[in-house]
Amino acid sequence: MNQSETDLPRLGAPALRALASVGVTRLEQLTAFTESDIKKLHGMGPKSIKQLYEALEQRGISFATKK
């Protein structure tokens, strides 16, 4: 995934692959997942979760609260 094709923050390759594995390439798509869902993905560490949380917060959106 090219950085120009996404509005996700700069994450490490394992985190980007983890998100891509569930079809996430844009921040808005994260609103369909709980933070717990994303944390369970192989390749997502605390640093990446923090970066995603901050990026979502800047946009005024958040992870889903429940599925």
PDB file of N, CA and C in Angstrom:
ATOM      1  N   MET A   1       0.840  -1.172   0.000  1.00  0.00           N
ATOM      2  CA  MET A   1       0.000   0.000   0.000  1.00  0.00           C
ATOM      3  C   MET A   1       0.889   1.240   0.000  1.00  0.00           C
ATOM      4  N   ASN A   2       0.605   2.116  -0.894  1.00  0.00           N
ATOM      5  CA  ASN A   2       1.350   3.359  -1.046  1.00  0.00           C
ATOM      6  C   ASN A   2       0.789   4.392  -0.075  1.00  0.00           C
ATOM      7  N   GLN A   3       1.645   5.159   0.584  1.00  0.00           N
ATOM      8  CA  GLN A   3       1.189   6.148   1.564  1.00  0.00           C
ATOM      9  C   GLN A   3       0.223   7.156   0.938  1.00  0.00           C
ATOM     10  N   SER A   4       0.340   7.432  -0.367  1.00  0.00           N
ATOM     11  CA  SER A   4      -0.568   8.380  -1.011  1.00  0.00           C
ATOM     12  C   SER A   4      -1.965   7.791  -1.213  1.00  0.00           C
ATOM     13  N   GLU A   5      -2.116   6.473  -1.068  1.00  0.00           N
ATOM     14  CA  GLU A   5      -3.408   5.811  -1.246  1.00  0.00           C
ATOM     15  C   GLU A   5      -4.185   5.685   0.061  1.00  0.00           C
ATOM     16  N   THR A   6      -3.643   6.184   1.128  1.00  0.00           N
ATOM     17  CA  THR A   6      -4.265   6.002   2.436  1.00  0.00           C
ATOM     18  C   THR A   6      -4.144   7.276   3.271  1.00  0.00           C
ATOM     19  N   ASP A   7      -5.034   7.405   4.240  1.00  0.00           N
ATOM     20  CA  ASP A   7      -4.904   8.506   5.189  1.00  0.00           C
ATOM     21  C   ASP A   7      -4.508   7.975   6.571  1.00  0.00           C
ATOM     22  N   LEU A   8      -4.088   6.718   6.609  1.00  0.00           N
ATOM     23  CA  LEU A   8      -3.597   6.151   7.866  1.00  0.00           C
ATOM     24  C   LEU A   8      -2.286   6.827   8.242  1.00  0.00           C
ATOM     25  N   PRO A   9      -2.019   6.936   9.540  1.00  0.00           N
ATOM     26  CA  PRO A   9      -0.723   7.501   9.938  1.00  0.00           C
ATOM     27  C   PRO A   9       0.415   6.586   9.490  1.00  0.00           C
ATOM     28  N   ARG A  10       1.627   7.085   9.532  1.00  0.00           N
ATOM     29  CA  ARG A  10       2.789   6.266   9.161  1.00  0.00           C
ATOM     30  C   ARG A  10       2.975   5.181  10.211  1.00  0.00           C
ATOM     31  N   LEU A  11       2.659   3.968   9.815  1.00  0.00           N
ATOM     32  CA  LEU A  11       2.765   2.816  10.705  1.00  0.00           C
ATOM     33  C   LEU A  11       3.830   1.884  10.161  1.00  0.00           C
ATOM     34  N   GLY A  12       4.300   1.008  10.999  1.00  0.00           N
ATOM     35  CA  GLY A  12       5.255   0.002  10.556  1.00  0.00           C
ATOM     36  C   GLY A  12       4.599  -0.974   9.584  1.00  0.00           C
ATOM     37  N   ALA A  13       5.421  -1.638   8.796  1.00  0.00           N
ATOM     38  CA  ALA A  13       4.923  -2.584   7.802  1.00  0.00           C
ATOM     39  C   ALA A  13       4.049  -3.691   8.409  1.00  0.00           C
ATOM     40  N   PRO A  14       4.417  -4.265   9.559  1.00  0.00           N
ATOM     41  CA  PRO A  14       3.555  -5.317  10.128  1.00  0.00           C
ATOM     42  C   PRO A  14       2.145  -4.795  10.457  1.00  0.00           C
ATOM     43  N   ALA A  15       2.063  -3.582  10.982  1.00  0.00           N
ATOM     44  CA  ALA A  15       0.762  -3.005  11.326  1.00  0.00           C
ATOM     45  C   ALA A  15      -0.052  -2.722  10.061  1.00  0.00           C
ATOM     46  N   LEU A  16       0.589  -2.198   9.032  1.00  0.00           N
ATOM     47  CA  LEU A  16      -0.116  -1.931   7.777  1.00  0.00           C
ATOM     48  C   LEU A  16      -0.618  -3.228   7.151  1.00  0.00           C
ATOM     49  N   ARG A  17       0.185  -4.277   7.207  1.00  0.00           N
ATOM     50  CA  ARG A  17      -0.246  -5.577   6.675  1.00  0.00           C
ATOM     51  C   ARG A  17      -1.430  -6.122   7.484  1.00  0.00           C
ATOM     52  N   ALA A  18      -1.376  -5.946   8.787  1.00  0.00           N
ATOM     53  CA  ALA A  18      -2.470  -6.416   9.645  1.00  0.00           C
ATOM     54  C   ALA A  18      -3.771  -5.708   9.285  1.00  0.00           C
ATOM     55  N   LEU A  19      -3.709  -4.409   9.106  1.00  0.00           N
ATOM     56  CA  LEU A  19      -4.911  -3.657   8.741  1.00  0.00           C
ATOM     57  C   LEU A  19      -5.402  -4.057   7.352  1.00  0.00           C
ATOM     58  N   ALA A  20      -4.484  -4.199   6.425  1.00  0.00           N
ATOM     59  CA  ALA A  20      -4.858  -4.597   5.065  1.00  0.00           C
ATOM     60  C   ALA A  20      -5.528  -5.972   5.057  1.00  0.00           C
ATOM     61  N   SER A  21      -5.112  -6.845   5.973  1.00  0.00           N
ATOM     62  CA  SER A  21      -5.677  -8.195   6.018  1.00  0.00           C
ATOM     63  C   SER A  21      -7.170  -8.194   6.351  1.00  0.00           C
ATOM     64  N   VAL A  22      -7.641  -7.115   6.980  1.00  0.00           N
ATOM     65  CA  VAL A  22      -9.070  -6.989   7.285  1.00  0.00           C
ATOM     66  C   VAL A  22      -9.727  -5.914   6.422  1.00  0.00           C
ATOM     67  N   GLY A  23      -9.016  -5.471   5.391  1.00  0.00           N
ATOM     68  CA  GLY A  23      -9.587  -4.534   4.428  1.00  0.00           C
ATOM     69  C   GLY A  23      -9.527  -3.069   4.800  1.00  0.00           C
ATOM     70  N   VAL A  24      -8.712  -2.715   5.780  1.00  0.00           N
ATOM     71  CA  VAL A  24      -8.629  -1.317   6.224  1.00  0.00           C
ATOM     72  C   VAL A  24      -7.492  -0.601   5.506  1.00  0.00           C
ATOM     73  N   THR A  25      -7.846   0.435   4.746  1.00  0.00           N
ATOM     74  CA  THR A  25      -6.853   1.280   4.089  1.00  0.00           C
ATOM     75  C   THR A  25      -7.102   2.754   4.388  1.00  0.00           C
ATOM     76  N   ARG A  26      -8.228   3.068   5.041  1.00  0.00           N
ATOM     77  CA  ARG A  26      -8.584   4.449   5.365  1.00  0.00           C
ATOM     78  C   ARG A  26      -9.022   4.520   6.829  1.00  0.00           C
ATOM     79  N   LEU A  27      -8.787   5.656   7.441  1.00  0.00           N
ATOM     80  CA  LEU A  27      -9.168   5.829   8.848  1.00  0.00           C
ATOM     81  C   LEU A  27     -10.648   5.565   9.092  1.00  0.00           C
ATOM     82  N   GLU A  28     -11.506   6.041   8.201  1.00  0.00           N
ATOM     83  CA  GLU A  28     -12.944   5.888   8.382  1.00  0.00           C
ATOM     84  C   GLU A  28     -13.355   4.424   8.504  1.00  0.00           C
ATOM     85  N   GLN A  29     -12.604   3.537   7.867  1.00  0.00           N
ATOM     86  CA  GLN A  29     -12.926   2.111   7.925  1.00  0.00           C
ATOM     87  C   GLN A  29     -12.711   1.530   9.320  1.00  0.00           C
ATOM     88  N   LEU A  30     -11.891   2.185  10.115  1.00  0.00           N
ATOM     89  CA  LEU A  30     -11.646   1.705  11.476  1.00  0.00           C
ATOM     90  C   LEU A  30     -12.867   1.861  12.371  1.00  0.00           C
ATOM     91  N   THR A  31     -13.810   2.706  11.993  1.00  0.00           N
ATOM     92  CA  THR A  31     -14.998   2.909  12.822  1.00  0.00           C
ATOM     93  C   THR A  31     -15.882   1.665  12.866  1.00  0.00           C
ATOM     94  N   ALA A  32     -15.616   0.708  11.981  1.00  0.00           N
ATOM     95  CA  ALA A  32     -16.370  -0.551  11.980  1.00  0.00           C
ATOM     96  C   ALA A  32     -15.767  -1.584  12.929  1.00  0.00           C
ATOM     97  N   PHE A  33     -14.613  -1.274  13.501  1.00  0.00           N
ATOM     98  CA  PHE A  33     -13.901  -2.204  14.376  1.00  0.00           C
ATOM     99  C   PHE A  33     -13.743  -1.609  15.767  1.00  0.00           C
ATOM    100  N   THR A  34     -13.807  -2.474  16.778  1.00  0.00           N
ATOM    101  CA  THR A  34     -13.502  -2.006  18.126  1.00  0.00           C
ATOM    102  C   THR A  34     -11.980  -1.945  18.273  1.00  0.00           C
ATOM    103  N   GLU A  35     -11.531  -1.198  19.241  1.00  0.00           N
ATOM    104  CA  GLU A  35     -10.094  -1.148  19.524  1.00  0.00           C
ATOM    105  C   GLU A  35      -9.581  -2.550  19.848  1.00  0.00           C
ATOM    106  N   SER A  36     -10.390  -3.320  20.550  1.00  0.00           N
ATOM    107  CA  SER A  36     -10.022  -4.693  20.905  1.00  0.00           C
ATOM    108  C   SER A  36      -9.833  -5.555  19.650  1.00  0.00           C
ATOM    109  N   ASP A  37     -10.709  -5.366  18.654  1.00  0.00           N
ATOM    110  CA  ASP A  37     -10.570  -6.115  17.392  1.00  0.00           C
ATOM    111  C   ASP A  37      -9.215  -5.837  16.756  1.00  0.00           C
ATOM    112  N   ILE A  38      -8.844  -4.575  16.713  1.00  0.00           N
ATOM    113  CA  ILE A  38      -7.600  -4.172  16.054  1.00  0.00           C
ATOM    114  C   ILE A  38      -6.392  -4.658  16.855  1.00  0.00           C
ATOM    115  N   LYS A  39      -6.477  -4.588  18.176  1.00  0.00           N
ATOM    116  CA  LYS A  39      -5.369  -5.051  19.024  1.00  0.00           C
ATOM    117  C   LYS A  39      -5.083  -6.538  18.835  1.00  0.00           C
ATOM    118  N   LYS A  40      -6.102  -7.308  18.470  1.00  0.00           N
ATOM    119  CA  LYS A  40      -5.951  -8.753  18.300  1.00  0.00           C
ATOM    120  C   LYS A  40      -5.227  -9.124  17.013  1.00  0.00           C
ATOM    121  N   LEU A  41      -5.114  -8.183  16.080  1.00  0.00           N
ATOM    122  CA  LEU A  41      -4.484  -8.489  14.798  1.00  0.00           C
ATOM    123  C   LEU A  41      -2.985  -8.706  14.978  1.00  0.00           C
ATOM    124  N   HIS A  42      -2.470  -9.753  14.343  1.00  0.00           N
ATOM    125  CA  HIS A  42      -1.037 -10.027  14.392  1.00  0.00           C
ATOM    126  C   HIS A  42      -0.299  -8.890  13.692  1.00  0.00           C
ATOM    127  N   GLY A  43       0.626  -8.261  14.400  1.00  0.00           N
ATOM    128  CA  GLY A  43       1.391  -7.146  13.834  1.00  0.00           C
ATOM    129  C   GLY A  43       1.015  -5.796  14.415  1.00  0.00           C
ATOM    130  N   MET A  44      -0.073  -5.755  15.170  1.00  0.00           N
ATOM    131  CA  MET A  44      -0.489  -4.488  15.790  1.00  0.00           C
ATOM    132  C   MET A  44       0.073  -4.418  17.209  1.00  0.00           C
ATOM    133  N   GLY A  45       0.943  -3.448  17.439  1.00  0.00           N
ATOM    134  CA  GLY A  45       1.515  -3.264  18.766  1.00  0.00           C
ATOM    135  C   GLY A  45       0.983  -2.006  19.421  1.00  0.00           C
ATOM    136  N   PRO A  46       1.391  -1.753  20.647  1.00  0.00           N
ATOM    137  CA  PRO A  46       0.914  -0.585  21.391  1.00  0.00           C
ATOM    138  C   PRO A  46       1.210   0.740  20.687  1.00  0.00           C
ATOM    139  N   LYS A  47       2.366   0.842  20.044  1.00  0.00           N
ATOM    140  CA  LYS A  47       2.719   2.087  19.363  1.00  0.00           C
ATOM    141  C   LYS A  47       1.759   2.353  18.200  1.00  0.00           C
ATOM    142  N   SER A  48       1.462   1.334  17.428  1.00  0.00           N
ATOM    143  CA  SER A  48       0.548   1.495  16.290  1.00  0.00           C
ATOM    144  C   SER A  48      -0.869   1.823  16.764  1.00  0.00           C
ATOM    145  N   ILE A  49      -1.306   1.169  17.818  1.00  0.00           N
ATOM    146  CA  ILE A  49      -2.642   1.454  18.365  1.00  0.00           C
ATOM    147  C   ILE A  49      -2.720   2.911  18.804  1.00  0.00           C
ATOM    148  N   LYS A  50      -1.680   3.389  19.470  1.00  0.00           N
ATOM    149  CA  LYS A  50      -1.655   4.780  19.929  1.00  0.00           C
ATOM    150  C   LYS A  50      -1.714   5.736  18.740  1.00  0.00           C
ATOM    151  N   GLN A  51      -0.942   5.435  17.684  1.00  0.00           N
ATOM    152  CA  GLN A  51      -0.937   6.296  16.500  1.00  0.00           C
ATOM    153  C   GLN A  51      -2.319   6.312  15.840  1.00  0.00           C
ATOM    154  N   LEU A  52      -2.964   5.169  15.756  1.00  0.00           N
ATOM    155  CA  LEU A  52      -4.301   5.109  15.174  1.00  0.00           C
ATOM    156  C   LEU A  52      -5.301   5.885  16.015  1.00  0.00           C
ATOM    157  N   TYR A  53      -5.242   5.693  17.326  1.00  0.00           N
ATOM    158  CA  TYR A  53      -6.149   6.388  18.235  1.00  0.00           C
ATOM    159  C   TYR A  53      -6.012   7.901  18.078  1.00  0.00           C
ATOM    160  N   GLU A  54      -4.763   8.384  18.027  1.00  0.00           N
ATOM    161  CA  GLU A  54      -4.524   9.827  17.880  1.00  0.00           C
ATOM    162  C   GLU A  54      -5.021  10.342  16.527  1.00  0.00           C
ATOM    163  N   ALA A  55      -4.810   9.573  15.469  1.00  0.00           N
ATOM    164  CA  ALA A  55      -5.269   9.985  14.137  1.00  0.00           C
ATOM    165  C   ALA A  55      -6.793  10.030  14.080  1.00  0.00           C
ATOM    166  N   LEU A  56      -7.443   9.041  14.677  1.00  0.00           N
ATOM    167  CA  LEU A  56      -8.903   9.030  14.726  1.00  0.00           C
ATOM    168  C   LEU A  56      -9.422  10.235  15.510  1.00  0.00           C
ATOM    169  N   GLU A  57      -8.799  10.497  16.648  1.00  0.00           N
ATOM    170  CA  GLU A  57      -9.204  11.610  17.499  1.00  0.00           C
ATOM    171  C   GLU A  57      -9.090  12.949  16.763  1.00  0.00           C
ATOM    172  N   GLN A  58      -8.017  13.116  15.986  1.00  0.00           N
ATOM    173  CA  GLN A  58      -7.841  14.345  15.221  1.00  0.00           C
ATOM    174  C   GLN A  58      -8.961  14.546  14.200  1.00  0.00           C
ATOM    175  N   ARG A  59      -9.507  13.466  13.705  1.00  0.00           N
ATOM    176  CA  ARG A  59     -10.600  13.524  12.725  1.00  0.00           C
ATOM    177  C   ARG A  59     -11.977  13.605  13.387  1.00  0.00           C
ATOM    178  N   GLY A  60     -12.007  13.448  14.699  1.00  0.00           N
ATOM    179  CA  GLY A  60     -13.291  13.476  15.399  1.00  0.00           C
ATOM    180  C   GLY A  60     -14.083  12.189  15.245  1.00  0.00           C
ATOM    181  N   ILE A  61     -13.391  11.091  14.976  1.00  0.00           N
ATOM    182  CA  ILE A  61     -14.038   9.785  14.864  1.00  0.00           C
ATOM    183  C   ILE A  61     -13.349   8.824  15.827  1.00  0.00           C
ATOM    184  N   SER A  62     -13.919   7.637  15.987  1.00  0.00           N
ATOM    185  CA  SER A  62     -13.330   6.696  16.937  1.00  0.00           C
ATOM    186  C   SER A  62     -13.595   5.265  16.501  1.00  0.00           C
ATOM    187  N   PHE A  63     -12.930   4.350  17.195  1.00  0.00           N
ATOM    188  CA  PHE A  63     -13.206   2.936  16.999  1.00  0.00           C
ATOM    189  C   PHE A  63     -14.666   2.681  17.382  1.00  0.00           C
ATOM    190  N   ALA A  64     -15.229   1.600  16.871  1.00  0.00           N
ATOM    191  CA  ALA A  64     -16.585   1.202  17.261  1.00  0.00           C
ATOM    192  C   ALA A  64     -16.583   0.872  18.749  1.00  0.00           C
ATOM    193  N   THR A  65     -17.724   1.068  19.391  1.00  0.00           N
ATOM    194  CA  THR A  65     -17.803   0.727  20.804  1.00  0.00           C
ATOM    195  C   THR A  65     -18.205  -0.731  20.977  1.00  0.00           C
ATOM    196  N   LYS A  66     -19.070  -1.239  20.107  1.00  0.00           N
ATOM    197  CA  LYS A  66     -19.475  -2.647  20.128  1.00  0.00           C
ATOM    198  C   LYS A  66     -19.863  -3.035  18.717  1.00  0.00           C
ATOM    199  N   LYS A  67     -19.762  -4.321  18.454  1.00  0.00           N
ATOM    200  CA  LYS A  67     -20.175  -4.825  17.129  1.00  0.00           C
ATOM    201  C   LYS A  67     -21.613  -5.240  17.168  1.00  0.00           C
TER     202      LYS A  67
END
